[in-house]
Amino acid sequence: MFENLGWSEIIVLALIGLFVFGPDRLPKVIGEAGRMLRTLRQMARGASAELRDELGTDFEIEDLHPKRFVRKHLLSEEDEAALRKPLRDAMRDFEELQHVDEVTEAYRDEPSSSNGKAPDTTKSRAARYDDDAT
């Protein structure tokens, strides 16, 4: 529970509690806080068990996320594949464009065989990037 707190931070919290509640009331407040935490944990366990019983045995808390819920309970495998197909196609096209850009850049970086000089890339850069458009 106190994984993220160091000993110095716990001591500072204890001193603050001592000053705020006083030495007489501090043990009572700590006991009440502990009971409240136990009660909250029991309520959370009961709620998750009740949800598990209502929604099925393979229920996980993460399934309550709207996207996962729709995907798991409302869509069939064919519907999900149909929804993912345009995204897969777009990703494939994007990867192909990246490959073409890499090949084009590699070709531009090679020196020209006709005169031994590197090709002038200012024209191609100007054609690819329009500073006025941004």
C-alpha atoms as a PDB file:
ATOM      1  CA  MET A   1       0.000   0.000   0.000  1.00  0.00           C
ATOM      2  CA  PHE A   2       2.826   2.386   0.831  1.00  0.00           C
ATOM      3  CA  GLU A   3       5.008   1.264  -2.076  1.00  0.00           C
ATOM      4  CA  ASN A   4       5.582   4.782  -3.368  1.00  0.00           C
ATOM      5  CA  LEU A   5       6.250   6.336   0.047  1.00  0.00           C
ATOM      6  CA  GLY A   6       9.660   6.422   1.666  1.00  0.00           C
ATOM      7  CA  TRP A   7      10.314   6.324   5.396  1.00  0.00           C
ATOM      8  CA  SER A   8      10.891  10.076   5.565  1.00  0.00           C
ATOM      9  CA  GLU A   9       7.527  10.759   3.904  1.00  0.00           C
ATOM     10  CA  ILE A  10       5.734   8.402   6.296  1.00  0.00           C
ATOM     11  CA  ILE A  11       7.356  10.150   9.263  1.00  0.00           C
ATOM     12  CA  VAL A  12       6.316  13.562   7.914  1.00  0.00           C
ATOM     13  CA  LEU A  13       2.725  12.325   7.488  1.00  0.00           C
ATOM     14  CA  ALA A  14       2.740  10.937  11.029  1.00  0.00           C
ATOM     15  CA  LEU A  15       3.990  14.253  12.406  1.00  0.00           C
ATOM     16  CA  ILE A  16       1.328  16.181  10.484  1.00  0.00           C
ATOM     17  CA  GLY A  17      -1.320  13.804  11.834  1.00  0.00           C
ATOM     18  CA  LEU A  18       0.051  14.246  15.326  1.00  0.00           C
ATOM     19  CA  PHE A  19      -0.153  18.036  15.068  1.00  0.00           C
ATOM     20  CA  VAL A  20      -3.622  18.047  13.457  1.00  0.00           C
ATOM     21  CA  PHE A  21      -5.361  15.429  15.613  1.00  0.00           C
ATOM     22  CA  GLY A  22      -3.252  15.488  18.765  1.00  0.00           C
ATOM     23  CA  PRO A  23      -1.699  12.548  20.604  1.00  0.00           C
ATOM     24  CA  ASP A  24      -4.998  11.464  22.191  1.00  0.00           C
ATOM     25  CA  ARG A  25      -7.147  11.271  19.032  1.00  0.00           C
ATOM     26  CA  LEU A  26      -4.466  10.058  16.573  1.00  0.00           C
ATOM     27  CA  PRO A  27      -4.793   6.302  17.406  1.00  0.00           C
ATOM     28  CA  LYS A  28      -8.603   6.511  17.008  1.00  0.00           C
ATOM     29  CA  VAL A  29      -8.292   8.274  13.639  1.00  0.00           C
ATOM     30  CA  ILE A  30      -5.778   5.696  12.387  1.00  0.00           C
ATOM     31  CA  GLY A  31      -8.078   2.848  13.477  1.00  0.00           C
ATOM     32  CA  GLU A  32     -11.100   4.434  11.796  1.00  0.00           C
ATOM     33  CA  ALA A  33      -9.118   5.013   8.598  1.00  0.00           C
ATOM     34  CA  GLY A  34      -8.040   1.347   8.590  1.00  0.00           C
ATOM     35  CA  ARG A  35     -11.633   0.171   9.076  1.00  0.00           C
ATOM     36  CA  MET A  36     -12.816   2.482   6.309  1.00  0.00           C
ATOM     37  CA  LEU A  37     -10.181   1.088   3.916  1.00  0.00           C
ATOM     38  CA  ARG A  38     -11.176  -2.496   4.746  1.00  0.00           C
ATOM     39  CA  THR A  39     -14.846  -1.640   4.166  1.00  0.00           C
ATOM     40  CA  LEU A  40     -14.071  -0.006   0.814  1.00  0.00           C
ATOM     41  CA  ARG A  41     -12.026  -3.015  -0.291  1.00  0.00           C
ATOM     42  CA  GLN A  42     -14.851  -5.392   0.666  1.00  0.00           C
ATOM     43  CA  MET A  43     -17.350  -3.243  -1.240  1.00  0.00           C
ATOM     44  CA  ALA A  44     -15.104  -3.243  -4.326  1.00  0.00           C
ATOM     45  CA  ARG A  45     -14.659  -7.024  -4.161  1.00  0.00           C
ATOM     46  CA  GLY A  46     -18.416  -7.494  -3.751  1.00  0.00           C
ATOM     47  CA  ALA A  47     -19.175  -5.198  -6.678  1.00  0.00           C
ATOM     48  CA  SER A  48     -16.697  -6.961  -8.974  1.00  0.00           C
ATOM     49  CA  ALA A  49     -18.043 -10.375  -7.903  1.00  0.00           C
ATOM     50  CA  GLU A  50     -21.598  -9.210  -8.588  1.00  0.00           C
ATOM     51  CA  LEU A  51     -20.595  -7.903 -12.027  1.00  0.00           C
ATOM     52  CA  ARG A  52     -18.785 -11.158 -12.756  1.00  0.00           C
ATOM     53  CA  ASP A  53     -21.927 -13.112 -11.839  1.00  0.00           C
ATOM     54  CA  GLU A  54     -24.167 -10.891 -13.967  1.00  0.00           C
ATOM     55  CA  LEU A  55     -21.952 -10.591 -17.040  1.00  0.00           C
ATOM     56  CA  GLY A  56     -20.435 -14.044 -17.105  1.00  0.00           C
ATOM     57  CA  THR A  57     -17.524 -15.941 -15.657  1.00  0.00           C
ATOM     58  CA  ASP A  58     -14.921 -14.604 -18.105  1.00  0.00           C
ATOM     59  CA  PHE A  59     -15.495 -11.008 -16.984  1.00  0.00           C
ATOM     60  CA  GLU A  60     -12.553  -8.699 -16.308  1.00  0.00           C
ATOM     61  CA  ILE A  61     -12.726  -5.109 -15.051  1.00  0.00           C
ATOM     62  CA  GLU A  62     -10.921  -3.983 -18.229  1.00  0.00           C
ATOM     63  CA  ASP A  63     -13.908  -5.287 -20.230  1.00  0.00           C
ATOM     64  CA  LEU A  64     -15.931  -2.310 -18.993  1.00  0.00           C
ATOM     65  CA  HIS A  65     -14.005   0.004 -21.312  1.00  0.00           C
ATOM     66  CA  PRO A  66     -16.560   0.912 -24.014  1.00  0.00           C
ATOM     67  CA  LYS A  67     -14.380  -0.134 -26.950  1.00  0.00           C
ATOM     68  CA  ARG A  68     -13.537  -3.516 -25.439  1.00  0.00           C
ATOM     69  CA  PHE A  69     -17.141  -4.063 -24.361  1.00  0.00           C
ATOM     70  CA  VAL A  70     -18.498  -3.429 -27.876  1.00  0.00           C
ATOM     71  CA  ARG A  71     -15.769  -5.501 -29.473  1.00  0.00           C
ATOM     72  CA  LYS A  72     -16.286  -8.444 -27.121  1.00  0.00           C
ATOM     73  CA  HIS A  73     -20.052  -8.527 -26.672  1.00  0.00           C
ATOM     74  CA  LEU A  74     -21.637  -6.915 -29.700  1.00  0.00           C
ATOM     75  CA  LEU A  75     -19.388  -7.590 -32.698  1.00  0.00           C
ATOM     76  CA  SER A  76     -18.854 -10.930 -34.316  1.00  0.00           C
ATOM     77  CA  GLU A  77     -15.422 -11.855 -35.621  1.00  0.00           C
ATOM     78  CA  GLU A  78     -16.538 -11.100 -39.184  1.00  0.00           C
ATOM     79  CA  ASP A  79     -17.807  -7.633 -38.178  1.00  0.00           C
ATOM     80  CA  GLU A  80     -14.554  -6.846 -36.411  1.00  0.00           C
ATOM     81  CA  ALA A  81     -12.529  -8.018 -39.431  1.00  0.00           C
ATOM     82  CA  ALA A  82     -14.669  -5.846 -41.721  1.00  0.00           C
ATOM     83  CA  LEU A  83     -14.098  -2.821 -39.492  1.00  0.00           C
ATOM     84  CA  ARG A  84     -10.354  -3.399 -39.328  1.00  0.00           C
ATOM     85  CA  LYS A  85      -9.861  -4.028 -43.072  1.00  0.00           C
ATOM     86  CA  PRO A  86      -9.733  -0.344 -44.181  1.00  0.00           C
ATOM     87  CA  LEU A  87      -7.287   0.445 -41.398  1.00  0.00           C
ATOM     88  CA  ARG A  88      -5.088  -2.498 -42.327  1.00  0.00           C
ATOM     89  CA  ASP A  89      -5.146  -1.443 -45.990  1.00  0.00           C
ATOM     90  CA  ALA A  90      -4.270   2.153 -45.109  1.00  0.00           C
ATOM     91  CA  MET A  91      -1.405   0.990 -42.893  1.00  0.00           C
ATOM     92  CA  ARG A  92      -0.076  -1.251 -45.661  1.00  0.00           C
ATOM     93  CA  ASP A  93      -0.216   1.673 -48.124  1.00  0.00           C
ATOM     94  CA  PHE A  94       1.570   3.904 -45.638  1.00  0.00           C
ATOM     95  CA  GLU A  95       4.330   1.330 -45.132  1.00  0.00           C
ATOM     96  CA  GLU A  96       4.743   1.021 -48.901  1.00  0.00           C
ATOM     97  CA  LEU A  97       5.044   4.816 -49.184  1.00  0.00           C
ATOM     98  CA  GLN A  98       7.715   4.824 -46.489  1.00  0.00           C
ATOM     99  CA  HIS A  99       9.628   2.177 -48.408  1.00  0.00           C
ATOM    100  CA  VAL A 100       9.390   4.237 -51.619  1.00  0.00           C
ATOM    101  CA  ASP A 101      10.636   7.335 -49.758  1.00  0.00           C
ATOM    102  CA  GLU A 102      13.598   5.378 -48.356  1.00  0.00           C
ATOM    103  CA  VAL A 103      14.555   4.106 -51.803  1.00  0.00           C
ATOM    104  CA  THR A 104      14.161   7.577 -53.314  1.00  0.00           C
ATOM    105  CA  GLU A 105      16.308   9.164 -50.585  1.00  0.00           C
ATOM    106  CA  ALA A 106      18.976   6.477 -51.030  1.00  0.00           C
ATOM    107  CA  TYR A 107      18.996   7.125 -54.801  1.00  0.00           C
ATOM    108  CA  ARG A 108      19.312  10.883 -54.262  1.00  0.00           C
ATOM    109  CA  ASP A 109      22.206  10.425 -51.841  1.00  0.00           C
ATOM    110  CA  GLU A 110      24.263   8.461 -54.423  1.00  0.00           C
ATOM    111  CA  PRO A 111      26.648  10.550 -56.539  1.00  0.00           C
ATOM    112  CA  SER A 112      25.696  10.937 -60.157  1.00  0.00           C
ATOM    113  CA  SER A 113      27.708   8.656 -62.454  1.00  0.00           C
ATOM    114  CA  SER A 114      27.787  11.173 -65.316  1.00  0.00           C
ATOM    115  CA  ASN A 115      29.799  13.976 -63.717  1.00  0.00           C
ATOM    116  CA  GLY A 116      30.962  12.516 -60.387  1.00  0.00           C
ATOM    117  CA  LYS A 117      29.121  15.179 -58.387  1.00  0.00           C
ATOM    118  CA  ALA A 118      26.218  14.701 -56.055  1.00  0.00           C
ATOM    119  CA  PRO A 119      22.881  15.615 -57.638  1.00  0.00           C
ATOM    120  CA  ASP A 120      21.330  18.968 -56.764  1.00  0.00           C
ATOM    121  CA  THR A 121      18.655  18.210 -54.174  1.00  0.00           C
ATOM    122  CA  THR A 122      17.422  21.777 -53.697  1.00  0.00           C
ATOM    123  CA  LYS A 123      14.927  21.428 -56.533  1.00  0.00           C
ATOM    124  CA  SER A 124      13.564  18.119 -55.286  1.00  0.00           C
ATOM    125  CA  ARG A 125      13.395  19.480 -51.713  1.00  0.00           C
ATOM    126  CA  ALA A 126      11.484  22.535 -52.888  1.00  0.00           C
ATOM    127  CA  ALA A 127       9.093  20.327 -54.801  1.00  0.00           C
ATOM    128  CA  ARG A 128       8.459  18.110 -51.773  1.00  0.00           C
ATOM    129  CA  TYR A 129       8.217  20.781 -49.073  1.00  0.00           C
ATOM    130  CA  ASP A 130       6.256  23.939 -49.606  1.00  0.00           C
ATOM    131  CA  ASP A 131       7.115  26.390 -46.812  1.00  0.00           C
ATOM    132  CA  ASP A 132       4.222  28.676 -47.758  1.00  0.00           C
ATOM    133  CA  ALA A 133       1.707  25.883 -47.314  1.00  0.00           C
ATOM    134  CA  THR A 134       2.520  25.378 -43.647  1.00  0.00           C
END
